[in-house]
């Protein structure tokens, strides 16, 4: 399928490169876009894509359905995948990615990460919302700040207290608190601030 799309590298080469990147830069967040419904895509091709996504475990992945663009070689290809089939495949792949994201974010619970405070949460002014270095604006989840103090525009250390499919919850660490000590013992400072 990758050759039909004009891609030079196969799945094995891509996986090998990803493993190399992850070993060279531990903790790196990787994202990609995946397409389903390319002309000629079979059920077997789609299962291979699912297996690839499950093995690689991208931190973030967008999935879209092939849409022919006038003047391109792909627009002239036969064996179009029915729209309903392509959309169903997109949903299946997104469900897989949701479970991968949920597991990867759960691994961050208890850790301390820097968070950029962006403002109040869109659903309530009682919470702040921010973003970590691995969350892109408008396309990824956010860090919901449930405790601590900080100002918009500040990058503040935060202890991750909970995770969801795409979002994290965290408490900001007060200035003067040793973040490494909190990383070892989440209850080290003995406080649970809820002020903003």
N, C-alpha and C. Protein backbone atom coordinates (compact mmCIF):
# COMPACT_ATOMS: atom_id res chain seq x y z
N UNK A 1 0.82 -1.19 0.00
CA UNK A 1 0.00 0.00 0.00
C UNK A 1 0.87 1.26 0.00
N UNK A 2 1.97 1.24 0.78
CA UNK A 2 2.85 2.41 0.82
C UNK A 2 3.44 2.70 -0.56
N UNK A 3 3.78 1.66 -1.30
CA UNK A 3 4.32 1.88 -2.65
C UNK A 3 3.27 2.51 -3.55
N UNK A 4 2.01 2.06 -3.43
CA UNK A 4 0.93 2.64 -4.24
C UNK A 4 0.75 4.12 -3.94
N UNK A 5 1.08 4.51 -2.70
CA UNK A 5 0.97 5.91 -2.29
C UNK A 5 2.20 6.73 -2.68
N UNK A 6 3.21 6.05 -3.25
CA UNK A 6 4.42 6.76 -3.64
C UNK A 6 5.41 6.94 -2.51
N UNK A 7 5.28 6.15 -1.43
CA UNK A 7 6.20 6.23 -0.30
C UNK A 7 7.35 5.26 -0.55
N UNK A 8 8.57 5.73 -0.32
CA UNK A 8 9.74 4.89 -0.59
C UNK A 8 9.99 3.88 0.53
N UNK A 9 9.80 4.29 1.78
CA UNK A 9 10.10 3.40 2.90
C UNK A 9 8.91 2.52 3.21
N UNK A 10 9.19 1.28 3.59
CA UNK A 10 8.14 0.36 4.00
C UNK A 10 7.94 0.43 5.50
N UNK A 11 6.97 -0.32 6.00
CA UNK A 11 6.64 -0.30 7.43
C UNK A 11 7.84 -0.67 8.29
N UNK A 12 8.63 -1.67 7.85
CA UNK A 12 9.79 -2.11 8.63
C UNK A 12 10.80 -0.97 8.79
N UNK A 13 11.09 -0.27 7.69
CA UNK A 13 12.05 0.84 7.75
C UNK A 13 11.54 1.97 8.64
N UNK A 14 10.25 2.24 8.55
CA UNK A 14 9.67 3.30 9.39
C UNK A 14 9.78 2.91 10.86
N UNK A 15 9.43 1.68 11.20
CA UNK A 15 9.53 1.23 12.59
C UNK A 15 10.97 1.29 13.09
N UNK A 16 11.89 0.89 12.24
CA UNK A 16 13.31 0.92 12.61
C UNK A 16 13.76 2.35 12.92
N UNK A 17 13.34 3.31 12.11
CA UNK A 17 13.69 4.72 12.34
C UNK A 17 13.07 5.23 13.64
N UNK A 18 11.82 4.85 13.88
CA UNK A 18 11.15 5.30 15.10
C UNK A 18 11.86 4.74 16.33
N UNK A 19 12.24 3.46 16.29
CA UNK A 19 12.98 2.87 17.41
C UNK A 19 14.29 3.61 17.63
N UNK A 20 14.97 3.96 16.53
CA UNK A 20 16.23 4.71 16.64
C UNK A 20 16.03 6.07 17.28
N UNK A 21 14.99 6.77 16.87
CA UNK A 21 14.68 8.09 17.45
C UNK A 21 14.39 7.96 18.93
N UNK A 22 13.55 6.99 19.29
CA UNK A 22 13.18 6.82 20.70
C UNK A 22 14.38 6.42 21.56
N UNK A 23 15.30 5.63 21.03
CA UNK A 23 16.47 5.26 21.82
C UNK A 23 17.45 6.43 21.93
N UNK A 24 17.52 7.27 20.91
CA UNK A 24 18.43 8.42 20.92
C UNK A 24 17.89 9.55 21.79
N UNK A 25 16.55 9.73 21.80
CA UNK A 25 15.92 10.80 22.58
C UNK A 25 14.82 10.18 23.45
N UNK A 26 15.19 9.61 24.59
CA UNK A 26 14.19 8.99 25.47
C UNK A 26 13.11 10.01 25.87
N UNK A 27 11.87 9.56 25.87
CA UNK A 27 10.77 10.43 26.28
C UNK A 27 10.23 11.32 25.18
N UNK A 28 10.79 11.22 23.98
CA UNK A 28 10.31 12.06 22.88
C UNK A 28 8.85 11.71 22.56
N UNK A 29 8.06 12.71 22.21
CA UNK A 29 6.67 12.49 21.80
C UNK A 29 6.63 12.48 20.27
N UNK A 30 6.05 11.43 19.71
CA UNK A 30 5.96 11.30 18.26
C UNK A 30 4.51 11.38 17.81
N UNK A 31 4.31 12.08 16.72
CA UNK A 31 2.96 12.22 16.15
C UNK A 31 3.00 11.89 14.68
N UNK A 32 1.83 11.54 14.15
CA UNK A 32 1.74 11.26 12.72
C UNK A 32 0.31 11.48 12.27
N UNK A 33 0.13 11.43 10.97
CA UNK A 33 -1.20 11.39 10.36
C UNK A 33 -1.28 10.08 9.59
N UNK A 34 -2.41 9.42 9.70
CA UNK A 34 -2.61 8.15 9.00
C UNK A 34 -3.82 8.27 8.09
N UNK A 35 -3.72 7.68 6.91
CA UNK A 35 -4.82 7.75 5.94
C UNK A 35 -5.41 6.37 5.73
N UNK A 36 -6.73 6.32 5.67
CA UNK A 36 -7.43 5.09 5.31
C UNK A 36 -8.25 5.34 4.05
N UNK A 37 -8.58 4.26 3.36
CA UNK A 37 -9.43 4.37 2.18
C UNK A 37 -8.71 4.75 0.90
N UNK A 38 -7.39 4.63 0.87
CA UNK A 38 -6.66 4.90 -0.36
C UNK A 38 -7.11 3.89 -1.41
N UNK A 39 -7.26 4.29 -2.66
CA UNK A 39 -7.73 3.36 -3.70
C UNK A 39 -6.94 2.06 -3.70
N UNK A 40 -7.66 0.95 -3.68
CA UNK A 40 -7.03 -0.36 -3.68
C UNK A 40 -6.77 -0.91 -2.28
N UNK A 41 -7.02 -0.14 -1.23
CA UNK A 41 -6.79 -0.62 0.13
C UNK A 41 -7.72 -1.80 0.42
N UNK A 42 -7.13 -2.92 0.80
CA UNK A 42 -7.93 -4.11 1.12
C UNK A 42 -8.10 -4.21 2.63
N UNK A 43 -8.92 -5.17 3.05
CA UNK A 43 -9.08 -5.41 4.49
C UNK A 43 -7.75 -5.84 5.10
N UNK A 44 -6.98 -6.62 4.35
CA UNK A 44 -5.66 -7.05 4.81
C UNK A 44 -4.72 -5.85 4.99
N UNK A 45 -4.74 -4.94 4.01
CA UNK A 45 -3.92 -3.72 4.12
C UNK A 45 -4.29 -2.94 5.38
N UNK A 46 -5.59 -2.81 5.61
CA UNK A 46 -6.04 -2.06 6.78
C UNK A 46 -5.61 -2.75 8.07
N UNK A 47 -5.69 -4.07 8.12
CA UNK A 47 -5.26 -4.82 9.32
C UNK A 47 -3.76 -4.62 9.56
N UNK A 48 -2.98 -4.55 8.49
CA UNK A 48 -1.55 -4.29 8.62
C UNK A 48 -1.31 -2.90 9.21
N UNK A 49 -2.10 -1.92 8.78
CA UNK A 49 -1.99 -0.57 9.32
C UNK A 49 -2.34 -0.56 10.81
N UNK A 50 -3.41 -1.27 11.18
CA UNK A 50 -3.79 -1.37 12.60
C UNK A 50 -2.66 -2.00 13.41
N UNK A 51 -2.09 -3.09 12.90
CA UNK A 51 -1.00 -3.76 13.61
C UNK A 51 0.21 -2.83 13.76
N UNK A 52 0.52 -2.09 12.69
CA UNK A 52 1.64 -1.14 12.73
C UNK A 52 1.39 -0.08 13.80
N UNK A 53 0.20 0.51 13.82
CA UNK A 53 -0.12 1.55 14.81
C UNK A 53 -0.07 1.00 16.23
N UNK A 54 -0.51 -0.23 16.41
CA UNK A 54 -0.48 -0.85 17.74
C UNK A 54 0.96 -1.11 18.20
N UNK A 55 1.83 -1.48 17.27
CA UNK A 55 3.24 -1.75 17.63
C UNK A 55 3.99 -0.46 17.92
N UNK A 56 3.80 0.56 17.09
CA UNK A 56 4.58 1.79 17.20
C UNK A 56 4.11 2.66 18.36
N UNK A 57 2.81 2.67 18.63
CA UNK A 57 2.25 3.45 19.74
C UNK A 57 2.62 4.93 19.65
N UNK A 58 2.18 5.59 18.59
CA UNK A 58 2.41 7.03 18.47
C UNK A 58 1.75 7.75 19.64
N UNK A 59 2.38 8.82 20.11
CA UNK A 59 1.78 9.61 21.19
C UNK A 59 0.52 10.31 20.69
N UNK A 60 0.58 10.80 19.48
CA UNK A 60 -0.55 11.51 18.88
C UNK A 60 -0.68 11.07 17.42
N UNK A 61 -1.90 10.79 16.99
CA UNK A 61 -2.11 10.41 15.59
C UNK A 61 -3.47 10.93 15.14
N UNK A 62 -3.46 11.58 13.99
CA UNK A 62 -4.70 11.97 13.35
C UNK A 62 -4.99 10.96 12.25
N UNK A 63 -6.25 10.66 12.03
CA UNK A 63 -6.63 9.70 11.00
C UNK A 63 -7.62 10.38 10.07
N UNK A 64 -7.36 10.30 8.78
CA UNK A 64 -8.28 10.90 7.82
C UNK A 64 -8.57 9.92 6.69
N UNK A 65 -9.69 10.16 6.03
CA UNK A 65 -10.12 9.32 4.91
C UNK A 65 -9.60 9.93 3.62
N UNK A 66 -9.09 9.08 2.73
CA UNK A 66 -8.61 9.53 1.42
C UNK A 66 -9.69 10.34 0.72
N UNK A 67 -9.27 11.45 0.15
CA UNK A 67 -10.17 12.30 -0.64
C UNK A 67 -9.43 12.64 -1.94
N UNK A 68 -10.00 12.28 -3.10
CA UNK A 68 -9.29 12.53 -4.36
C UNK A 68 -9.12 14.02 -4.62
N UNK A 69 -7.91 14.39 -5.01
CA UNK A 69 -7.63 15.78 -5.34
C UNK A 69 -7.39 15.88 -6.85
N UNK A 70 -8.13 16.73 -7.49
CA UNK A 70 -8.05 16.87 -8.94
C UNK A 70 -6.61 17.07 -9.40
N UNK A 71 -6.24 16.38 -10.46
CA UNK A 71 -4.92 16.54 -11.05
C UNK A 71 -3.85 15.65 -10.46
N UNK A 72 -4.18 14.89 -9.43
CA UNK A 72 -3.18 14.00 -8.83
C UNK A 72 -3.33 12.60 -9.41
N UNK A 73 -2.22 11.85 -9.35
CA UNK A 73 -2.23 10.48 -9.83
C UNK A 73 -3.24 9.64 -9.04
N UNK A 74 -3.29 9.87 -7.71
CA UNK A 74 -4.18 9.08 -6.85
C UNK A 74 -5.65 9.28 -7.22
N UNK A 75 -6.00 10.45 -7.73
CA UNK A 75 -7.39 10.72 -8.10
C UNK A 75 -7.84 9.88 -9.28
N UNK A 76 -6.87 9.40 -10.07
CA UNK A 76 -7.20 8.61 -11.26
C UNK A 76 -7.14 7.11 -11.01
N UNK A 77 -6.77 6.72 -9.80
CA UNK A 77 -6.63 5.28 -9.52
C UNK A 77 -8.00 4.60 -9.43
N UNK A 78 -8.08 3.35 -9.91
CA UNK A 78 -9.33 2.59 -9.78
C UNK A 78 -9.45 1.98 -8.39
N UNK A 79 -10.43 1.15 -8.21
CA UNK A 79 -10.64 0.40 -6.97
C UNK A 79 -10.84 1.30 -5.76
N UNK A 80 -11.74 2.25 -5.90
CA UNK A 80 -12.05 3.14 -4.78
C UNK A 80 -12.69 2.35 -3.64
N UNK A 81 -12.31 2.68 -2.44
CA UNK A 81 -12.89 2.08 -1.24
C UNK A 81 -14.21 2.79 -0.97
N UNK A 82 -15.30 2.05 -0.75
CA UNK A 82 -16.58 2.70 -0.46
C UNK A 82 -16.46 3.65 0.74
N UNK A 83 -17.12 4.78 0.67
CA UNK A 83 -17.02 5.81 1.71
C UNK A 83 -17.36 5.26 3.09
N UNK A 84 -18.41 4.41 3.16
CA UNK A 84 -18.82 3.86 4.46
C UNK A 84 -17.71 2.98 5.05
N UNK A 85 -17.06 2.20 4.19
CA UNK A 85 -15.98 1.32 4.64
C UNK A 85 -14.80 2.15 5.14
N UNK A 86 -14.44 3.17 4.38
CA UNK A 86 -13.32 4.03 4.77
C UNK A 86 -13.60 4.73 6.09
N UNK A 87 -14.82 5.21 6.26
CA UNK A 87 -15.19 5.90 7.50
C UNK A 87 -15.18 4.93 8.68
N UNK A 88 -15.65 3.71 8.47
CA UNK A 88 -15.61 2.71 9.53
C UNK A 88 -14.17 2.40 9.93
N UNK A 89 -13.29 2.29 8.94
CA UNK A 89 -11.87 2.05 9.23
C UNK A 89 -11.27 3.20 10.01
N UNK A 90 -11.66 4.42 9.65
CA UNK A 90 -11.16 5.60 10.39
C UNK A 90 -11.56 5.51 11.86
N UNK A 91 -12.81 5.15 12.11
CA UNK A 91 -13.30 5.03 13.49
C UNK A 91 -12.55 3.94 14.25
N UNK A 92 -12.31 2.81 13.61
CA UNK A 92 -11.59 1.71 14.26
C UNK A 92 -10.17 2.15 14.63
N UNK A 93 -9.51 2.81 13.70
CA UNK A 93 -8.14 3.27 13.95
C UNK A 93 -8.10 4.35 15.03
N UNK A 94 -9.09 5.25 15.03
CA UNK A 94 -9.16 6.28 16.08
C UNK A 94 -9.42 5.66 17.44
N UNK A 95 -10.24 4.61 17.49
CA UNK A 95 -10.47 3.92 18.77
C UNK A 95 -9.18 3.31 19.30
N UNK A 96 -8.40 2.71 18.39
CA UNK A 96 -7.11 2.16 18.79
C UNK A 96 -6.20 3.27 19.31
N UNK A 97 -6.14 4.39 18.58
CA UNK A 97 -5.27 5.49 19.00
C UNK A 97 -5.72 6.06 20.35
N UNK A 98 -7.01 6.13 20.57
CA UNK A 98 -7.54 6.62 21.86
C UNK A 98 -7.03 5.73 23.00
N UNK A 99 -7.06 4.42 22.80
CA UNK A 99 -6.59 3.51 23.86
C UNK A 99 -5.08 3.63 24.05
N UNK A 100 -4.34 3.83 22.98
CA UNK A 100 -2.89 4.04 23.08
C UNK A 100 -2.61 5.32 23.85
N UNK A 101 -3.30 6.39 23.51
CA UNK A 101 -3.12 7.67 24.19
C UNK A 101 -3.44 7.53 25.67
N UNK A 102 -4.54 6.85 25.98
CA UNK A 102 -4.95 6.66 27.38
C UNK A 102 -3.84 5.94 28.16
N UNK A 103 -3.26 4.88 27.57
CA UNK A 103 -2.19 4.13 28.26
C UNK A 103 -0.93 4.98 28.41
N UNK A 104 -0.57 5.70 27.35
CA UNK A 104 0.67 6.50 27.41
C UNK A 104 0.53 7.63 28.43
N UNK A 105 -0.64 8.25 28.50
CA UNK A 105 -0.83 9.33 29.47
C UNK A 105 -0.89 8.78 30.89
N UNK A 106 -1.46 7.59 31.07
CA UNK A 106 -1.52 6.98 32.41
C UNK A 106 -0.10 6.78 32.96
N UNK A 107 0.86 6.52 32.08
CA UNK A 107 2.25 6.34 32.50
C UNK A 107 2.85 7.61 33.10
N UNK A 108 2.25 8.75 32.82
CA UNK A 108 2.78 10.03 33.31
C UNK A 108 2.27 10.39 34.70
N UNK A 109 1.24 9.68 35.18
CA UNK A 109 0.68 9.99 36.50
C UNK A 109 1.76 9.81 37.56
N UNK A 110 1.90 10.84 38.42
CA UNK A 110 2.91 10.83 39.47
C UNK A 110 4.17 11.57 39.09
N UNK A 111 4.38 11.82 37.79
CA UNK A 111 5.59 12.52 37.35
C UNK A 111 5.39 14.03 37.44
N UNK A 112 6.48 14.75 37.40
CA UNK A 112 6.46 16.21 37.40
C UNK A 112 6.94 16.69 36.03
N UNK A 113 6.14 17.54 35.38
CA UNK A 113 6.49 18.06 34.06
C UNK A 113 6.27 19.57 34.04
N UNK A 114 6.99 20.30 33.18
CA UNK A 114 6.71 21.72 33.02
C UNK A 114 5.42 21.92 32.23
N UNK A 115 4.59 22.87 32.69
CA UNK A 115 3.31 23.15 32.03
C UNK A 115 3.21 24.65 31.76
N UNK A 116 2.87 25.00 30.53
CA UNK A 116 2.60 26.39 30.16
C UNK A 116 1.16 26.69 30.53
N UNK A 117 0.93 27.66 31.41
CA UNK A 117 -0.43 28.03 31.81
C UNK A 117 -1.01 28.91 30.70
N UNK A 118 -2.16 28.49 30.16
CA UNK A 118 -2.77 29.21 29.04
C UNK A 118 -3.98 30.05 29.44
N UNK A 119 -4.61 29.73 30.54
CA UNK A 119 -5.78 30.50 30.97
C UNK A 119 -6.76 29.63 31.74
N UNK A 120 -8.00 30.11 31.83
CA UNK A 120 -9.01 29.32 32.52
C UNK A 120 -9.55 28.23 31.60
N UNK A 121 -10.05 27.20 32.21
CA UNK A 121 -10.61 26.07 31.46
C UNK A 121 -11.86 26.54 30.71
N UNK A 122 -12.07 26.10 29.46
CA UNK A 122 -13.22 26.57 28.69
C UNK A 122 -14.59 26.21 29.30
N UNK A 123 -14.61 25.20 30.17
CA UNK A 123 -15.89 24.78 30.74
C UNK A 123 -16.16 25.36 32.12
N UNK A 124 -15.12 25.87 32.80
CA UNK A 124 -15.31 26.47 34.12
C UNK A 124 -14.15 27.38 34.46
N UNK A 125 -14.46 28.52 35.04
CA UNK A 125 -13.41 29.45 35.45
C UNK A 125 -12.77 29.03 36.77
N UNK A 126 -13.23 27.92 37.34
CA UNK A 126 -12.68 27.43 38.60
C UNK A 126 -11.39 26.64 38.39
N UNK A 127 -11.08 26.31 37.14
CA UNK A 127 -9.88 25.55 36.82
C UNK A 127 -9.03 26.31 35.82
N UNK A 128 -7.72 26.10 35.90
CA UNK A 128 -6.82 26.62 34.88
C UNK A 128 -6.55 25.49 33.88
N UNK A 129 -6.07 25.88 32.72
CA UNK A 129 -5.70 24.90 31.71
C UNK A 129 -4.34 25.28 31.15
N UNK A 130 -3.56 24.26 30.82
CA UNK A 130 -2.24 24.50 30.27
C UNK A 130 -1.87 23.42 29.28
N UNK A 131 -0.61 23.43 28.92
CA UNK A 131 -0.12 22.52 27.89
C UNK A 131 1.31 22.12 28.24
N UNK A 132 1.61 20.86 27.97
CA UNK A 132 2.98 20.39 28.17
C UNK A 132 3.73 20.51 26.85
N UNK A 133 5.01 20.22 26.89
CA UNK A 133 5.83 20.31 25.67
C UNK A 133 5.40 19.30 24.61
N UNK A 134 4.71 18.22 25.01
CA UNK A 134 4.30 17.19 24.04
C UNK A 134 2.86 17.38 23.57
N UNK A 135 2.23 18.50 23.88
CA UNK A 135 0.85 18.75 23.45
C UNK A 135 0.82 19.97 22.53
N UNK A 136 0.43 19.77 21.29
CA UNK A 136 0.35 20.86 20.32
C UNK A 136 -0.98 21.61 20.49
N UNK A 137 -0.96 22.92 20.31
CA UNK A 137 -2.21 23.70 20.42
C UNK A 137 -3.25 23.24 19.40
N UNK A 138 -4.49 23.21 19.83
CA UNK A 138 -5.66 22.98 18.99
C UNK A 138 -5.84 21.56 18.48
N UNK A 139 -4.81 20.71 18.55
CA UNK A 139 -4.98 19.35 18.02
C UNK A 139 -4.81 18.27 19.08
N UNK A 140 -4.14 18.59 20.19
CA UNK A 140 -3.89 17.61 21.23
C UNK A 140 -4.70 17.97 22.47
N UNK A 141 -4.63 17.10 23.46
CA UNK A 141 -5.27 17.37 24.73
C UNK A 141 -4.56 18.47 25.48
N UNK A 142 -5.00 18.69 26.72
CA UNK A 142 -4.44 19.75 27.55
C UNK A 142 -4.12 19.19 28.92
N UNK A 143 -3.51 20.04 29.74
CA UNK A 143 -3.31 19.74 31.15
C UNK A 143 -4.32 20.58 31.92
N UNK A 144 -5.24 19.90 32.59
CA UNK A 144 -6.24 20.58 33.40
C UNK A 144 -5.62 20.77 34.79
N UNK A 145 -5.51 22.02 35.21
CA UNK A 145 -4.82 22.34 36.47
C UNK A 145 -5.86 22.41 37.58
N UNK A 146 -5.77 21.48 38.51
CA UNK A 146 -6.76 21.36 39.57
C UNK A 146 -6.31 21.96 40.90
N UNK A 147 -5.09 22.40 40.98
CA UNK A 147 -4.60 22.98 42.22
C UNK A 147 -3.30 23.71 42.02
N UNK A 148 -3.03 24.66 42.90
CA UNK A 148 -1.79 25.44 42.84
C UNK A 148 -2.06 26.82 42.31
N UNK A 149 -1.01 27.63 42.28
CA UNK A 149 -1.14 29.01 41.80
C UNK A 149 -0.19 29.25 40.65
N UNK A 150 -0.59 30.09 39.74
CA UNK A 150 0.24 30.43 38.60
C UNK A 150 -0.42 31.50 37.76
N UNK A 151 0.34 32.09 36.87
CA UNK A 151 -0.16 33.15 35.99
C UNK A 151 -0.10 32.71 34.53
N UNK A 152 -1.03 33.23 33.74
CA UNK A 152 -1.05 32.93 32.31
C UNK A 152 0.29 33.31 31.70
N UNK A 153 0.82 32.41 30.90
CA UNK A 153 2.10 32.64 30.24
C UNK A 153 3.29 32.07 30.98
N UNK A 154 3.11 31.67 32.23
CA UNK A 154 4.20 31.08 33.00
C UNK A 154 4.35 29.60 32.66
N UNK A 155 5.58 29.12 32.74
CA UNK A 155 5.84 27.69 32.65
C UNK A 155 6.17 27.24 34.06
N UNK A 156 5.33 26.35 34.59
CA UNK A 156 5.39 25.97 36.00
C UNK A 156 5.49 24.45 36.12
N UNK A 157 6.30 23.95 37.05
CA UNK A 157 6.32 22.50 37.26
C UNK A 157 4.97 22.04 37.83
N UNK A 158 4.50 20.91 37.34
CA UNK A 158 3.21 20.39 37.78
C UNK A 158 3.32 18.88 37.98
N UNK A 159 2.69 18.41 39.05
CA UNK A 159 2.66 16.97 39.31
C UNK A 159 1.39 16.41 38.69
N UNK A 160 1.52 15.42 37.81
CA UNK A 160 0.38 14.80 37.14
C UNK A 160 -0.34 13.92 38.16
N UNK A 161 -1.64 14.19 38.32
CA UNK A 161 -2.43 13.47 39.33
C UNK A 161 -3.42 12.50 38.71
N UNK A 162 -3.77 12.70 37.44
CA UNK A 162 -4.78 11.85 36.80
C UNK A 162 -4.64 11.97 35.29
N UNK A 163 -5.20 10.98 34.59
CA UNK A 163 -5.14 11.03 33.13
C UNK A 163 -6.48 10.59 32.54
N UNK A 164 -6.71 11.03 31.33
CA UNK A 164 -7.92 10.69 30.58
C UNK A 164 -7.48 10.21 29.19
N UNK A 165 -8.40 10.12 28.24
CA UNK A 165 -8.04 9.68 26.90
C UNK A 165 -6.97 10.58 26.27
N UNK A 166 -7.17 11.89 26.36
CA UNK A 166 -6.25 12.83 25.72
C UNK A 166 -5.74 13.92 26.66
N UNK A 167 -6.35 14.08 27.82
CA UNK A 167 -5.99 15.15 28.75
C UNK A 167 -5.33 14.59 30.00
N UNK A 168 -4.59 15.46 30.67
CA UNK A 168 -3.99 15.15 31.96
C UNK A 168 -4.57 16.11 32.99
N UNK A 169 -4.57 15.71 34.25
CA UNK A 169 -4.88 16.61 35.35
C UNK A 169 -3.62 16.75 36.17
N UNK A 170 -3.39 17.97 36.71
CA UNK A 170 -2.17 18.21 37.46
C UNK A 170 -2.38 19.27 38.52
N UNK A 171 -1.51 19.24 39.52
CA UNK A 171 -1.44 20.29 40.52
C UNK A 171 -0.11 21.00 40.34
N UNK A 172 -0.16 22.33 40.31
CA UNK A 172 1.07 23.11 40.17
C UNK A 172 1.87 22.99 41.46
N UNK A 173 3.16 22.98 41.32
CA UNK A 173 4.05 22.87 42.47
C UNK A 173 4.40 24.28 42.92
N UNK A 174 4.23 24.53 44.21
CA UNK A 174 4.51 25.84 44.77
C UNK A 174 5.98 26.17 44.64
N UNK A 175 6.31 27.47 44.44
CA UNK A 175 7.72 27.87 44.39
C UNK A 175 8.42 27.46 45.69
N UNK A 176 9.65 27.02 45.57
CA UNK A 176 10.42 26.63 46.74
C UNK A 176 10.28 25.17 47.11
N UNK A 177 9.33 24.46 46.49
CA UNK A 177 9.18 23.04 46.78
C UNK A 177 10.12 22.28 45.85
N UNK A 178 10.85 21.33 46.39
CA UNK A 178 11.81 20.55 45.62
C UNK A 178 11.06 19.56 44.73
N UNK A 179 11.01 19.85 43.42
CA UNK A 179 10.26 19.02 42.47
C UNK A 179 10.79 17.59 42.42
N UNK A 180 12.10 17.40 42.57
CA UNK A 180 12.64 16.04 42.52
C UNK A 180 12.15 15.22 43.71
N UNK A 181 11.97 15.90 44.86
CA UNK A 181 11.47 15.21 46.04
C UNK A 181 10.02 14.79 45.83
N UNK A 182 9.25 15.64 45.17
CA UNK A 182 7.84 15.34 44.92
C UNK A 182 7.75 14.19 43.92
N UNK A 183 8.64 14.17 42.94
CA UNK A 183 8.63 13.09 41.95
C UNK A 183 8.82 11.74 42.63
N UNK A 184 9.67 11.70 43.67
CA UNK A 184 9.89 10.45 44.38
C UNK A 184 8.71 10.11 45.28
N UNK A 185 8.13 11.11 45.93
CA UNK A 185 7.02 10.89 46.85
C UNK A 185 5.93 11.92 46.56
N UNK A 186 4.84 11.55 45.87
CA UNK A 186 3.80 12.50 45.48
C UNK A 186 3.22 13.28 46.66
N UNK A 187 3.37 12.82 47.90
CA UNK A 187 2.79 13.51 49.04
C UNK A 187 3.85 14.19 49.89
N UNK A 188 5.04 14.43 49.31
CA UNK A 188 6.17 14.92 50.08
C UNK A 188 5.95 16.29 50.69
N UNK A 189 5.22 17.19 50.01
CA UNK A 189 5.09 18.53 50.56
C UNK A 189 3.91 18.63 51.55
N UNK A 190 3.08 17.59 51.63
CA UNK A 190 2.00 17.56 52.62
C UNK A 190 0.92 18.56 52.38
N UNK A 191 0.91 19.26 51.24
CA UNK A 191 -0.10 20.27 50.97
C UNK A 191 -0.96 19.87 49.78
N UNK A 192 -2.15 20.43 49.73
CA UNK A 192 -3.03 20.21 48.59
C UNK A 192 -3.72 21.53 48.28
N UNK A 193 -3.00 22.41 47.61
CA UNK A 193 -3.51 23.75 47.34
C UNK A 193 -4.57 23.72 46.27
N UNK A 194 -5.62 24.49 46.43
CA UNK A 194 -6.69 24.59 45.44
C UNK A 194 -6.89 26.05 45.03
N UNK A 195 -5.94 26.91 45.33
CA UNK A 195 -6.12 28.32 44.99
C UNK A 195 -5.56 28.60 43.61
N UNK A 196 -6.14 29.60 42.96
CA UNK A 196 -5.66 30.00 41.64
C UNK A 196 -5.21 31.39 41.72
